[in-house]
């Protein structure tokens, strides 16, 4: 789920007071609109929050959810989307999917959903066949129980390995004759903007709209204030006074000071951090000056460092103006964070999703 979807889901959960059914996409074969881990909340009046598809699944899932709400028993449903006509709707989407519907009665499920707002990673493992039980990983430890014991050991090992990924993806684990759905949660990415000029405002706004945390760093209080950047963390600091730990392994930095000296010092700071992405606004010739100056100071721009640096920053959209440039930059950030190149989908061989 995207960070924005998580926010909508949590808001609806707080209002539902437990009287709802959670539908989760647990398996996808072939082509489908969403991937494993997509979630939809169904309320007692059959209204839905978030989605599992482009619209072809939701009506039937909502009706089945009402039955789950009545019985209190989970339900696993398979949908074949390769048919020319699906439930009389004429929506032949291709592929097949499985959906798991359950009431909000399990304490581990409740704890997992409530923890989607937290900054620490978590994972919910649900045995669907070949065993029984459920495990929740949060705050560095496991809760719950899975039987048999040998299966639990394998689930823990696979779950902990999955959480090591930069952007962990949900998937249906088949191991030891059992099916276990691994549903990981990673805290939202952080976009750190070095420079609070007029072009940073739409970028911060767009990033927050899509659920990213945003930090804006600038030494000028006239630029960096709540009026320009509502809901963002604001850091008033010169590059030489930046606090340690400002950039971490989930920080995506964009250097846009529009000041060559501040950009040079900021780039040096970013290169010493764990940030996997360092975007540098401006043309190649300007970046070459920054690079030459830092190399003269002893910095080495090896393959690993250059792989992190993105200049010119953003996707090739022919962007004009701050709003379009913001779209270009955020598109590149999302592509890089998910391991995609960001090119035309029509030029991508095979499936849309990896």
Protein backbone atom coordinates (compact mmCIF):
# COMPACT_ATOMS: atom_id res chain seq x y z
CA UNK A 1 0.00 0.00 0.00
CA UNK A 2 1.12 3.53 -0.67
CA UNK A 3 1.62 5.86 2.32
CA UNK A 4 -1.41 7.87 1.22
CA UNK A 5 -3.59 4.73 1.23
CA UNK A 6 -2.31 3.82 4.69
CA UNK A 7 -3.45 7.20 5.97
CA UNK A 8 -6.94 6.77 4.49
CA UNK A 9 -7.22 3.25 5.87
CA UNK A 10 -6.19 4.28 9.38
CA UNK A 11 -8.62 7.19 9.39
CA UNK A 12 -11.46 4.87 8.40
CA UNK A 13 -10.43 2.29 11.00
CA UNK A 14 -10.61 4.87 13.77
CA UNK A 15 -14.18 5.67 12.76
CA UNK A 16 -15.28 2.07 12.20
CA UNK A 17 -14.68 1.07 15.86
CA UNK A 18 -13.99 -2.52 14.88
CA UNK A 19 -17.20 -2.99 12.90
CA UNK A 20 -15.62 -3.64 9.52
CA UNK A 21 -13.93 -6.30 7.42
CA UNK A 22 -10.40 -6.09 6.08
CA UNK A 23 -9.89 -7.52 2.58
CA UNK A 24 -6.27 -8.17 1.56
CA UNK A 25 -4.91 -9.21 -1.81
CA UNK A 26 -2.80 -12.27 -0.97
CA UNK A 27 -1.89 -13.74 -4.37
CA UNK A 28 -1.61 -12.41 -7.90
CA UNK A 29 -0.99 -14.51 -11.00
CA UNK A 30 -0.55 -12.87 -14.38
CA UNK A 31 -1.76 -9.33 -14.96
CA UNK A 32 -3.68 -7.43 -12.31
CA UNK A 33 -4.23 -3.82 -11.28
CA UNK A 34 -2.76 -4.21 -7.77
CA UNK A 35 -0.11 -6.37 -6.16
CA UNK A 36 -0.05 -8.51 -3.03
CA UNK A 37 -0.61 -6.54 0.15
CA UNK A 38 -3.23 -4.15 -1.26
CA UNK A 39 -6.01 -3.67 1.28
CA UNK A 40 -9.61 -2.53 1.32
CA UNK A 41 -11.84 -1.87 4.30
CA UNK A 42 -15.52 -2.79 3.98
CA UNK A 43 -17.94 -1.08 6.36
CA UNK A 44 -21.28 -2.51 7.56
CA UNK A 45 -23.19 -0.55 4.90
CA UNK A 46 -20.98 -2.12 2.18
CA UNK A 47 -19.11 1.10 1.49
CA UNK A 48 -15.40 0.60 0.87
CA UNK A 49 -12.19 2.45 1.69
CA UNK A 50 -9.15 1.98 -0.60
CA UNK A 51 -9.22 -0.59 -3.40
CA UNK A 52 -8.06 -4.00 -4.57
CA UNK A 53 -8.44 -3.50 -8.31
CA UNK A 54 -9.48 -1.03 -10.96
CA UNK A 55 -13.11 -1.54 -9.96
CA UNK A 56 -13.94 -5.08 -11.10
CA UNK A 57 -13.47 -6.82 -7.74
CA UNK A 58 -14.84 -4.34 -5.25
CA UNK A 59 -18.62 -4.96 -5.57
CA UNK A 60 -18.34 -8.73 -5.09
CA UNK A 61 -15.74 -8.44 -2.32
CA UNK A 62 -17.99 -5.98 -0.47
CA UNK A 63 -20.92 -8.41 -0.56
CA UNK A 64 -18.78 -11.28 0.67
CA UNK A 65 -17.43 -9.04 3.42
CA UNK A 66 -20.94 -8.56 4.78
CA UNK A 67 -21.17 -12.34 5.19
CA UNK A 68 -17.82 -12.34 7.03
CA UNK A 69 -19.09 -9.57 9.28
CA UNK A 70 -22.20 -11.65 10.04
CA UNK A 71 -20.41 -14.95 10.75
CA UNK A 72 -17.17 -13.62 12.22
CA UNK A 73 -15.23 -16.19 10.17
CA UNK A 74 -12.42 -15.34 7.71
CA UNK A 75 -12.93 -16.14 4.03
CA UNK A 76 -10.49 -16.79 1.19
CA UNK A 77 -11.81 -16.10 -2.30
CA UNK A 78 -10.22 -16.67 -5.72
CA UNK A 79 -11.11 -14.57 -8.76
CA UNK A 80 -10.28 -15.51 -12.34
CA UNK A 81 -9.85 -12.27 -14.27
CA UNK A 82 -8.99 -13.96 -17.57
CA UNK A 83 -12.63 -14.59 -18.42
CA UNK A 84 -14.14 -12.39 -21.11
CA UNK A 85 -16.94 -11.49 -18.77
CA UNK A 86 -16.45 -11.30 -15.02
CA UNK A 87 -19.70 -11.58 -13.02
CA UNK A 88 -21.63 -10.06 -15.91
CA UNK A 89 -19.58 -6.86 -15.88
CA UNK A 90 -17.63 -7.46 -19.06
CA UNK A 91 -14.29 -6.80 -17.35
CA UNK A 92 -11.76 -9.26 -18.69
CA UNK A 93 -8.65 -7.93 -16.90
CA UNK A 94 -6.32 -10.91 -17.33
CA UNK A 95 -4.67 -12.98 -14.60
CA UNK A 96 -6.13 -14.25 -11.36
CA UNK A 97 -6.08 -13.06 -7.76
CA UNK A 98 -6.93 -14.30 -4.30
CA UNK A 99 -8.43 -12.16 -1.55
CA UNK A 100 -8.45 -12.86 2.18
CA UNK A 101 -11.32 -11.32 4.13
CA UNK A 102 -11.36 -11.19 7.92
CA UNK A 103 -13.15 -9.35 10.73
CA UNK A 104 -11.16 -6.96 12.89
CA UNK A 105 -11.33 -9.23 15.93
CA UNK A 106 -7.82 -10.69 16.10
CA UNK A 107 -5.58 -8.79 18.58
CA UNK A 108 -2.46 -9.26 16.45
CA UNK A 109 -4.23 -7.91 13.38
CA UNK A 110 -5.41 -4.88 15.36
CA UNK A 111 -1.91 -4.28 16.70
CA UNK A 112 -0.42 -4.55 13.21
CA UNK A 113 -2.90 -2.07 11.73
CA UNK A 114 -2.47 0.38 14.59
CA UNK A 115 1.31 0.17 14.10
CA UNK A 116 1.13 1.32 10.49
CA UNK A 117 1.63 4.86 11.77
CA UNK A 118 4.78 3.98 13.69
CA UNK A 119 8.33 4.67 12.54
CA UNK A 120 9.61 1.16 13.19
CA UNK A 121 9.18 -1.76 10.73
CA UNK A 122 6.70 -4.53 11.42
CA UNK A 123 5.38 -7.68 9.77
CA UNK A 124 2.25 -9.78 10.12
CA UNK A 125 2.52 -13.45 9.16
CA UNK A 126 -0.77 -15.33 8.73
CA UNK A 127 -0.93 -19.09 8.15
CA UNK A 128 -3.56 -19.81 5.52
CA UNK A 129 -3.08 -23.56 5.05
CA UNK A 130 -0.83 -26.39 6.21
CA UNK A 131 -0.71 -25.17 9.79
CA UNK A 132 -2.32 -22.56 12.00
CA UNK A 133 -1.57 -19.41 13.88
CA UNK A 134 -0.27 -15.92 13.37
CA UNK A 135 2.90 -14.01 14.18
CA UNK A 136 3.51 -10.29 14.55
CA UNK A 137 6.99 -8.77 14.41
CA UNK A 138 7.30 -5.30 15.92
CA UNK A 139 9.79 -3.35 18.00
CA UNK A 140 12.42 -6.00 17.31
CA UNK A 141 10.53 -8.99 18.70
CA UNK A 142 7.92 -11.60 17.71
CA UNK A 143 4.47 -12.05 19.23
CA UNK A 144 1.96 -14.84 18.70
CA UNK A 145 2.40 -18.47 17.75
CA UNK A 146 2.44 -20.70 14.69
CA UNK A 147 2.08 -24.46 14.61
CA UNK A 148 3.91 -26.69 13.94
CA UNK A 149 7.06 -25.31 15.59
CA UNK A 150 9.22 -26.09 12.56
CA UNK A 151 6.97 -23.90 10.44
CA UNK A 152 7.21 -21.05 12.94
CA UNK A 153 10.99 -21.09 12.75
CA UNK A 154 10.91 -20.81 8.96
CA UNK A 155 8.30 -18.06 9.02
CA UNK A 156 10.43 -16.01 11.40
CA UNK A 157 13.52 -16.45 9.25
CA UNK A 158 11.74 -15.49 6.02
CA UNK A 159 10.00 -12.56 7.70
CA UNK A 160 13.18 -11.08 9.14
CA UNK A 161 14.94 -11.44 5.79
CA UNK A 162 12.04 -9.69 4.03
CA UNK A 163 12.24 -6.70 6.35
CA UNK A 164 15.85 -6.08 5.33
CA UNK A 165 14.72 -4.85 1.90
CA UNK A 166 14.56 -1.11 1.23
CA UNK A 167 10.94 -1.46 0.12
CA UNK A 168 9.70 -4.87 1.36
CA UNK A 169 6.79 -6.36 -0.58
CA UNK A 170 4.03 -8.64 0.68
CA UNK A 171 4.00 -12.17 -0.70
CA UNK A 172 2.47 -15.60 -0.17
CA UNK A 173 5.19 -17.86 1.21
CA UNK A 174 4.94 -21.54 0.36
CA UNK A 175 7.17 -23.52 2.71
CA UNK A 176 7.05 -26.88 4.51
CA UNK A 177 3.74 -27.75 2.86
CA UNK A 178 2.10 -24.59 4.22
CA UNK A 179 0.94 -21.25 2.83
CA UNK A 180 1.80 -18.20 4.92
CA UNK A 181 1.03 -14.63 3.92
CA UNK A 182 3.85 -12.27 4.87
CA UNK A 183 2.61 -8.69 5.14
CA UNK A 184 5.45 -6.24 5.91
CA UNK A 185 5.24 -2.60 6.90
CA UNK A 186 8.11 -0.18 6.44
CA UNK A 187 7.94 3.40 7.71
CA UNK A 188 7.35 6.01 5.01
CA UNK A 189 10.30 7.37 3.11
CA UNK A 190 11.57 10.80 4.05
CA UNK A 191 12.17 13.49 1.47
CA UNK A 192 14.79 15.97 2.71
CA UNK A 193 14.91 19.22 0.77
CA UNK A 194 18.04 21.31 1.17
CA UNK A 195 16.77 24.73 0.17
CA UNK A 196 13.45 26.38 0.94
CA UNK A 197 12.99 28.46 -2.19
CA UNK A 198 9.77 28.88 -4.15
CA UNK A 199 10.39 25.66 -6.15
CA UNK A 200 10.67 23.60 -2.95
CA UNK A 201 7.11 24.50 -1.91
CA UNK A 202 5.22 22.44 -4.56
CA UNK A 203 7.68 19.56 -4.15
CA UNK A 204 7.08 19.42 -0.39
CA UNK A 205 3.32 19.71 -0.90
CA UNK A 206 3.22 16.92 -3.49
CA UNK A 207 5.39 14.62 -1.40
CA UNK A 208 3.20 15.09 1.67
CA UNK A 209 0.08 14.45 -0.39
CA UNK A 210 1.48 11.03 -1.29
CA UNK A 211 2.32 10.23 2.31
CA UNK A 212 6.06 10.90 2.48
CA UNK A 213 7.61 12.61 5.46
CA UNK A 214 9.20 15.90 4.44
CA UNK A 215 12.05 17.84 6.01
CA UNK A 216 13.10 21.26 4.70
CA UNK A 217 16.56 22.58 5.55
CA UNK A 218 17.57 26.19 5.00
CA UNK A 219 19.37 28.87 7.04
CA UNK A 220 16.81 31.55 6.10
CA UNK A 221 13.87 31.88 8.49
CA UNK A 222 12.07 34.14 6.02
CA UNK A 223 11.79 31.16 3.66
CA UNK A 224 11.44 28.18 5.98
CA UNK A 225 8.33 28.56 8.09
CA UNK A 226 5.00 26.81 8.63
CA UNK A 227 3.22 29.08 6.20
CA UNK A 228 5.34 27.87 3.29
CA UNK A 229 5.77 24.28 4.42
CA UNK A 230 2.80 23.14 6.53
CA UNK A 231 3.22 19.75 8.18
CA UNK A 232 6.93 19.54 7.36
CA UNK A 233 9.85 19.28 9.74
CA UNK A 234 11.79 22.53 9.46
CA UNK A 235 15.52 22.76 10.15
CA UNK A 236 17.11 26.21 10.24
CA UNK A 237 20.80 25.54 9.72
CA UNK A 238 23.73 26.45 7.51
CA UNK A 239 25.40 23.53 5.72
CA UNK A 240 28.38 23.62 8.08
CA UNK A 241 26.02 23.38 11.06
CA UNK A 242 23.83 20.50 9.92
CA UNK A 243 23.07 18.06 12.75
CA UNK A 244 24.37 14.50 12.64
CA UNK A 245 21.85 11.88 11.64
CA UNK A 246 19.68 14.20 9.57
CA UNK A 247 19.97 11.75 6.65
CA UNK A 248 19.47 8.04 7.20
CA UNK A 249 19.05 4.91 5.04
CA UNK A 250 15.42 5.86 4.20
CA UNK A 251 16.18 9.52 3.44
CA UNK A 252 15.93 10.80 -0.13
CA UNK A 253 17.80 14.09 -0.39
CA UNK A 254 17.29 16.84 -2.95
CA UNK A 255 19.85 19.65 -2.99
CA UNK A 256 18.21 22.81 -4.31
CA UNK A 257 19.79 25.74 -2.48
CA UNK A 258 20.38 27.74 -5.68
CA UNK A 259 23.66 28.73 -4.06
CA UNK A 260 26.86 27.11 -5.30
CA UNK A 261 28.75 27.24 -2.00
CA UNK A 262 25.83 25.94 0.07
CA UNK A 263 25.25 23.20 -2.50
CA UNK A 264 28.90 22.16 -2.33
CA UNK A 265 28.87 21.85 1.45
CA UNK A 266 25.48 20.14 1.43
CA UNK A 267 26.63 17.61 -1.17
CA UNK A 268 29.65 16.79 0.97
CA UNK A 269 27.35 16.28 3.96
CA UNK A 270 24.98 14.05 1.97
CA UNK A 271 27.80 11.90 0.60
CA UNK A 272 28.96 11.16 4.15
CA UNK A 273 25.47 9.95 5.06
CA UNK A 274 23.58 6.71 4.38
CA UNK A 275 21.07 8.37 2.06
CA UNK A 276 20.49 6.07 -0.95
CA UNK A 277 19.44 8.96 -3.20
CA UNK A 278 21.01 12.40 -3.59
CA UNK A 279 19.32 14.59 -6.18
CA UNK A 280 21.18 17.71 -7.26
CA UNK A 281 19.14 20.39 -9.01
CA UNK A 282 20.78 22.15 -11.92
CA UNK A 283 22.54 21.35 -15.21
CA UNK A 284 25.46 18.95 -15.62
CA UNK A 285 27.96 21.79 -16.03
CA UNK A 286 27.03 23.16 -12.60
CA UNK A 287 27.31 19.76 -10.97
CA UNK A 288 30.73 19.32 -12.59
CA UNK A 289 31.89 22.43 -10.72
CA UNK A 290 30.62 21.00 -7.44
CA UNK A 291 32.30 17.68 -8.13
CA UNK A 292 35.62 19.29 -9.08
CA UNK A 293 35.61 21.41 -5.93
CA UNK A 294 34.93 18.42 -3.68
CA UNK A 295 37.55 16.27 -5.42
CA UNK A 296 40.05 19.06 -4.74
CA UNK A 297 39.13 18.66 -1.06
CA UNK A 298 39.80 14.93 -1.19
CA UNK A 299 36.37 13.47 -1.94
CA UNK A 300 36.37 10.42 -4.19
CA UNK A 301 33.46 9.99 -6.58
CA UNK A 302 33.63 6.25 -7.17
CA UNK A 303 30.90 4.13 -8.78
CA UNK A 304 29.00 3.74 -5.50
CA UNK A 305 28.85 7.48 -4.87
CA UNK A 306 27.86 8.28 -8.45
CA UNK A 307 25.10 5.65 -8.34
CA UNK A 308 23.52 7.60 -5.46
CA UNK A 309 23.77 10.99 -7.16
CA UNK A 310 21.05 12.04 -9.60
CA UNK A 311 21.89 15.05 -11.74
CA UNK A 312 20.09 16.46 -13.57
CA UNK A 313 17.49 15.48 -11.01
CA UNK A 314 14.09 14.07 -12.00
CA UNK A 315 12.45 12.15 -14.80
CA UNK A 316 12.64 13.33 -18.40
CA UNK A 317 9.18 14.93 -18.66
CA UNK A 318 10.12 18.16 -20.35
CA UNK A 319 9.00 19.84 -17.12
CA UNK A 320 8.35 23.58 -17.11
CA UNK A 321 7.80 25.55 -13.92
CA UNK A 322 8.07 24.55 -10.24
CA UNK A 323 4.96 22.34 -10.18
CA UNK A 324 6.02 20.20 -13.14
CA UNK A 325 9.60 20.00 -11.86
CA UNK A 326 8.20 18.77 -8.53
CA UNK A 327 6.29 16.03 -10.36
CA UNK A 328 9.43 15.03 -12.22
CA UNK A 329 11.55 14.84 -9.06
CA UNK A 330 9.00 12.95 -6.98
CA UNK A 331 8.45 10.49 -9.83
CA UNK A 332 12.16 9.71 -9.86
CA UNK A 333 12.26 9.33 -6.07
CA UNK A 334 9.42 6.79 -6.17
CA UNK A 335 10.98 4.90 -9.08
CA UNK A 336 14.40 4.67 -7.43
CA UNK A 337 12.94 3.64 -4.06
CA UNK A 338 11.07 0.76 -5.74
CA UNK A 339 13.87 -0.36 -8.04
CA UNK A 340 12.43 0.92 -11.32
CA UNK A 341 14.01 2.94 -14.13
CA UNK A 342 11.11 5.34 -14.59
CA UNK A 343 10.88 5.06 -18.37
CA UNK A 344 7.87 4.55 -20.63
CA UNK A 345 5.82 1.49 -19.66
CA UNK A 346 5.36 0.63 -23.34
CA UNK A 347 9.13 0.17 -23.59
CA UNK A 348 9.25 -2.17 -20.60
CA UNK A 349 9.42 -5.84 -21.63
CA UNK A 350 7.21 -8.34 -19.84
CA UNK A 351 4.92 -7.43 -16.96
CA UNK A 352 4.35 -3.96 -15.59
CA UNK A 353 5.14 -5.11 -12.05
CA UNK A 354 8.32 -6.93 -11.13
